[in-house]
Amino acid sequence: MKKMNGLLIIGIALILSACVPSQKKLAEQREKDPQYQYDKAVVCMQYGLADEAFKYLNEAIRLDPQHYLSFNLLGLAYMVKANPTEAVKAFTNCLAIKPDFSEAHNNLGTAYQEFGQIDKAEAAFKKAYELDQSYNASFNLARSYYDKNKLDQALEYVQKSLDKYDRSILAWNLKGLILESRDKIDEAITCYEQALKILPGEVNISFNMGVAYYKAGRFEKAKEIMEKILPLAKTEDLRTKIGEILKRIKG
């Protein structure tokens, strides 16, 4: 029995020793896989480690110059680092490889917006929407139209966005701003209320709703909202705007 146990131990040891080079080989193979490098970059981005993500994305692209997902994520990393010039290059490279990738068109539009190139941004958002009618593309297209004061088109596309995903506080807020610009104040207030049901107490949307109440002549309600959010305002600009509204209300 002791002899058998000894043989068993030796056998296990041999198996384990054989596993070590096998695991090492597997690790080496994974490091040469561009998708594996990309997946590591995705994790880095999720944790806000854009600088670390660059390392893995550049390696993925070195291993496979046609890895379009890496170019797209590279563009997003550059956006995080406030470098729209390089972001545009990355998204353009992505689309040269995969022209029907809606997400990259949408991201390219966002990068163009950072440059203030509204026409180019609008064209990119249009292409993204043509490809898959996503709520992100329709929202960004609506925002682009709003920035150009094309309110009918803006309202049309923000509604398309909400039809796809009605939990977007950004879309509800934008719809409120559009309706407010068209002097449909009560409808705008309803939109802000919808947004605040999803994210109660959001300061910027609460401010927009307070302004709408002020425009509607409902000064007590506007005052209540502004006084509530004043201590929560994180920027001097917003605190100044709140103070101006309160000053007008108090006369």
Protein backbone atom coordinates (compact mmCIF):
# COMPACT_ATOMS: atom_id res chain seq x y z
CA MET A 1 0.00 0.00 0.00
CA LYS A 2 2.84 2.40 0.85
CA LYS A 3 4.44 1.58 -2.48
CA MET A 4 1.18 2.36 -4.28
CA ASN A 5 0.82 5.67 -2.42
CA GLY A 6 4.35 6.60 -3.40
CA LEU A 7 3.63 5.87 -7.05
CA LEU A 8 0.44 7.92 -6.86
CA ILE A 9 2.31 10.90 -5.42
CA ILE A 10 4.96 10.64 -8.12
CA GLY A 11 2.24 10.45 -10.77
CA ILE A 12 0.50 13.58 -9.48
CA ALA A 13 3.81 15.42 -9.34
CA LEU A 14 4.54 14.51 -12.95
CA ILE A 15 1.10 15.74 -14.05
CA LEU A 16 1.50 19.02 -12.17
CA SER A 17 4.97 19.59 -13.61
CA ALA A 18 3.57 19.00 -17.09
CA CYS A 19 0.84 21.59 -16.44
CA VAL A 20 3.32 24.37 -15.66
CA PRO A 21 4.81 24.71 -19.16
CA SER A 22 1.34 24.23 -20.63
CA GLN A 23 -0.05 27.14 -18.59
CA LYS A 24 2.96 29.26 -19.48
CA LYS A 25 2.45 28.52 -23.16
CA LEU A 26 -1.24 29.39 -22.87
CA ALA A 27 -0.37 32.72 -21.20
CA GLU A 28 2.10 33.52 -23.98
CA GLN A 29 -0.52 32.75 -26.61
CA ARG A 30 -3.06 34.98 -24.89
CA GLU A 31 -0.60 37.88 -24.86
CA LYS A 32 -0.37 37.57 -28.64
CA ASP A 33 -4.14 37.71 -29.04
CA PRO A 34 -5.34 41.25 -29.98
CA GLN A 35 -8.78 40.55 -28.53
CA TYR A 36 -7.19 39.69 -25.19
CA GLN A 37 -5.27 42.99 -25.22
CA TYR A 38 -8.49 44.81 -26.12
CA ASP A 39 -10.39 43.11 -23.29
CA LYS A 40 -7.74 44.28 -20.81
CA ALA A 41 -8.13 47.82 -22.16
CA VAL A 42 -11.90 47.62 -21.66
CA VAL A 43 -11.37 46.78 -17.99
CA CYS A 44 -8.95 49.69 -17.64
CA MET A 45 -11.49 52.09 -19.12
CA GLN A 46 -14.18 50.81 -16.78
CA TYR A 47 -11.96 51.79 -13.87
CA GLY A 48 -11.01 55.16 -15.35
CA LEU A 49 -7.45 54.10 -16.23
CA ALA A 50 -7.24 55.60 -19.70
CA ASP A 51 -3.43 55.87 -19.65
CA GLU A 52 -3.13 52.16 -18.91
CA ALA A 53 -5.69 51.37 -21.62
CA PHE A 54 -3.51 53.07 -24.25
CA LYS A 55 -0.79 50.48 -23.66
CA TYR A 56 -3.07 47.52 -24.32
CA LEU A 57 -4.87 49.15 -27.24
CA ASN A 58 -1.65 50.03 -29.02
CA GLU A 59 -0.49 46.45 -28.53
CA ALA A 60 -3.78 45.10 -29.90
CA ILE A 61 -3.44 47.30 -32.98
CA ARG A 62 0.20 46.25 -33.42
CA LEU A 63 -0.88 42.62 -33.35
CA ASP A 64 -3.83 43.24 -35.68
CA PRO A 65 -3.94 46.55 -37.60
CA GLN A 66 -7.50 45.69 -38.64
CA HIS A 67 -8.84 45.39 -35.09
CA TYR A 68 -11.52 48.07 -35.45
CA LEU A 69 -12.84 47.71 -31.90
CA SER A 70 -9.44 48.77 -30.57
CA PHE A 71 -9.42 51.88 -32.75
CA ASN A 72 -12.89 52.79 -31.49
CA LEU A 73 -11.91 52.36 -27.84
CA LEU A 74 -8.69 54.24 -28.52
CA GLY A 75 -10.81 57.17 -29.69
CA LEU A 76 -12.87 57.02 -26.51
CA ALA A 77 -9.69 56.98 -24.42
CA TYR A 78 -8.50 60.10 -26.22
CA MET A 79 -11.87 61.73 -25.52
CA VAL A 80 -11.42 60.96 -21.82
CA LYS A 81 -8.00 62.65 -22.02
CA ALA A 82 -9.61 65.68 -23.72
CA ASN A 83 -7.75 65.14 -26.99
CA PRO A 84 -10.41 65.29 -29.74
CA THR A 85 -7.77 65.63 -32.47
CA GLU A 86 -6.39 62.15 -31.82
CA ALA A 87 -9.91 60.86 -31.11
CA VAL A 88 -11.05 61.89 -34.59
CA LYS A 89 -8.06 60.07 -36.11
CA ALA A 90 -8.81 56.91 -34.14
CA PHE A 91 -12.52 56.86 -35.01
CA THR A 92 -11.69 57.58 -38.67
CA ASN A 93 -9.26 54.65 -38.69
CA CYS A 94 -11.94 52.46 -37.15
CA LEU A 95 -14.45 53.41 -39.84
CA ALA A 96 -11.92 52.87 -42.63
CA ILE A 97 -11.85 49.24 -41.49
CA LYS A 98 -15.57 48.87 -40.69
CA PRO A 99 -17.65 51.61 -42.35
CA ASP A 100 -20.97 50.21 -41.05
CA PHE A 101 -20.00 50.46 -37.36
CA SER A 102 -22.68 52.79 -36.03
CA GLU A 103 -21.07 53.32 -32.63
CA ALA A 104 -17.89 54.73 -34.19
CA HIS A 105 -19.90 57.16 -36.37
CA ASN A 106 -21.70 58.32 -33.25
CA ASN A 107 -18.43 58.72 -31.34
CA LEU A 108 -16.87 60.57 -34.26
CA GLY A 109 -19.78 63.02 -34.16
CA THR A 110 -19.14 63.62 -30.47
CA ALA A 111 -15.47 64.32 -31.18
CA TYR A 112 -16.43 66.81 -33.89
CA GLN A 113 -18.74 68.53 -31.42
CA GLU A 114 -15.76 69.07 -29.14
CA PHE A 115 -14.16 70.99 -32.00
CA GLY A 116 -17.34 73.00 -32.54
CA GLN A 117 -17.64 71.46 -36.01
CA ILE A 118 -21.41 71.15 -35.81
CA ASP A 119 -22.02 70.31 -39.48
CA LYS A 120 -19.52 67.45 -39.43
CA ALA A 121 -20.96 66.24 -36.13
CA GLU A 122 -24.47 66.27 -37.57
CA ALA A 123 -23.36 64.28 -40.63
CA ALA A 124 -21.72 61.65 -38.41
CA PHE A 125 -24.80 61.36 -36.19
CA LYS A 126 -27.01 61.02 -39.27
CA LYS A 127 -24.88 58.17 -40.56
CA ALA A 128 -25.00 56.46 -37.17
CA TYR A 129 -28.78 56.78 -37.06
CA GLU A 130 -29.17 55.47 -40.62
CA LEU A 131 -27.27 52.34 -39.66
CA ASP A 132 -29.15 51.22 -36.56
CA GLN A 133 -31.55 53.93 -35.29
CA SER A 134 -30.01 53.69 -31.82
CA TYR A 135 -31.25 55.96 -29.05
CA ASN A 136 -27.74 57.38 -28.64
CA ALA A 137 -27.52 58.41 -32.29
CA SER A 138 -31.01 59.91 -32.32
CA PHE A 139 -30.32 61.78 -29.07
CA ASN A 140 -27.06 63.23 -30.39
CA LEU A 141 -28.75 64.17 -33.64
CA ALA A 142 -31.51 65.90 -31.67
CA ARG A 143 -28.92 67.80 -29.63
CA SER A 144 -27.14 68.84 -32.82
CA TYR A 145 -30.38 70.19 -34.27
CA TYR A 146 -31.13 71.96 -31.00
CA ASP A 147 -27.73 73.66 -31.07
CA LYS A 148 -28.56 74.91 -34.57
CA ASN A 149 -32.02 76.07 -33.42
CA LYS A 150 -33.75 73.57 -35.71
CA LEU A 151 -36.37 72.86 -33.11
CA ASP A 152 -38.81 70.77 -35.18
CA GLN A 153 -36.08 68.33 -36.18
CA ALA A 154 -34.66 68.36 -32.65
CA LEU A 155 -38.04 67.44 -31.17
CA GLU A 156 -38.58 64.71 -33.76
CA TYR A 157 -35.30 62.98 -32.99
CA VAL A 158 -35.36 63.35 -29.23
CA GLN A 159 -38.74 61.65 -29.30
CA LYS A 160 -37.26 58.86 -31.43
CA SER A 161 -34.60 58.48 -28.76
CA LEU A 162 -37.20 58.26 -25.99
CA ASP A 163 -39.24 55.79 -28.01
CA LYS A 164 -36.18 53.52 -27.94
CA TYR A 165 -35.25 54.16 -24.31
CA ASP A 166 -37.55 56.14 -22.06
CA ARG A 167 -35.24 55.99 -19.02
CA SER A 168 -32.78 58.52 -20.43
CA ILE A 169 -32.69 61.59 -18.19
CA LEU A 170 -30.61 63.36 -20.84
CA ALA A 171 -33.31 62.86 -23.47
CA TRP A 172 -36.12 63.98 -21.14
CA ASN A 173 -34.10 67.04 -20.19
CA LEU A 174 -33.35 67.88 -23.83
CA LYS A 175 -36.99 67.47 -24.78
CA GLY A 176 -37.87 69.87 -21.97
CA LEU A 177 -35.38 72.44 -23.26
CA ILE A 178 -36.74 72.12 -26.80
CA LEU A 179 -40.34 72.55 -25.68
CA GLU A 180 -39.34 75.47 -23.50
CA SER A 181 -37.72 77.12 -26.53
CA ARG A 182 -41.06 76.72 -28.31
CA ASP A 183 -42.86 78.39 -25.37
CA LYS A 184 -44.56 75.14 -24.37
CA ILE A 185 -43.68 75.63 -20.73
CA ASP A 186 -46.14 73.23 -19.12
CA GLU A 187 -45.05 70.42 -21.44
CA ALA A 188 -41.42 71.23 -20.68
CA ILE A 189 -42.09 71.00 -16.93
CA THR A 190 -43.64 67.57 -17.47
CA CYS A 191 -40.44 66.43 -19.21
CA TYR A 192 -38.25 67.67 -16.37
CA GLU A 193 -40.52 65.89 -13.91
CA GLN A 194 -40.10 62.66 -15.88
CA ALA A 195 -36.32 63.02 -15.71
CA LEU A 196 -36.41 63.66 -11.97
CA LYS A 197 -38.54 60.57 -11.41
CA ILE A 198 -35.64 58.59 -12.84
CA LEU A 199 -32.93 60.50 -10.96
CA PRO A 200 -34.49 62.46 -8.09
CA GLY A 201 -32.73 65.62 -7.02
CA GLU A 202 -30.46 65.97 -10.08
CA VAL A 203 -29.35 69.57 -9.70
CA ASN A 204 -29.07 70.73 -13.31
CA ILE A 205 -32.45 69.31 -14.31
CA SER A 206 -34.00 70.72 -11.14
CA PHE A 207 -32.58 74.11 -12.13
CA ASN A 208 -34.12 73.83 -15.60
CA MET A 209 -37.47 72.97 -14.04
CA GLY A 210 -37.19 75.93 -11.65
CA VAL A 211 -36.52 78.25 -14.59
CA ALA A 212 -39.55 76.84 -16.39
CA TYR A 213 -41.75 77.49 -13.34
CA TYR A 214 -40.37 81.01 -13.21
CA LYS A 215 -41.23 81.59 -16.88
CA ALA A 216 -44.73 80.23 -16.21
CA GLY A 217 -45.20 82.85 -13.48
CA ARG A 218 -45.30 80.23 -10.73
CA PHE A 219 -42.81 82.09 -8.59
CA GLU A 220 -43.35 80.31 -5.28
CA LYS A 221 -42.68 76.95 -6.87
CA ALA A 222 -39.62 78.32 -8.66
CA LYS A 223 -38.37 79.83 -5.37
CA GLU A 224 -38.87 76.53 -3.54
CA ILE A 225 -36.82 74.63 -6.13
CA MET A 226 -34.02 77.19 -6.33
CA GLU A 227 -33.59 77.46 -2.56
CA LYS A 228 -33.47 73.68 -2.31
CA ILE A 229 -30.74 73.21 -4.93
CA LEU A 230 -28.61 76.26 -4.11
CA PRO A 231 -26.54 74.46 -1.42
CA LEU A 232 -26.09 71.53 -3.81
CA ALA A 233 -24.78 73.51 -6.79
CA LYS A 234 -21.18 72.51 -7.44
CA THR A 235 -20.10 75.29 -9.81
CA GLU A 236 -19.89 79.03 -9.28
CA ASP A 237 -21.66 79.58 -12.59
CA LEU A 238 -24.71 77.57 -11.51
CA ARG A 239 -24.80 79.21 -8.08
CA THR A 240 -24.76 82.61 -9.78
CA LYS A 241 -27.65 81.66 -12.07
CA ILE A 242 -29.69 80.35 -9.14
CA GLY A 243 -29.00 83.52 -7.21
CA GLU A 244 -30.14 85.68 -10.12
CA ILE A 245 -33.47 83.84 -10.33
CA LEU A 246 -34.03 84.14 -6.59
CA LYS A 247 -33.18 87.83 -6.71
CA ARG A 248 -35.78 88.43 -9.42
CA ILE A 249 -38.41 86.48 -7.51
CA LYS A 250 -37.79 88.38 -4.28
CA GLY A 251 -37.84 91.65 -6.19
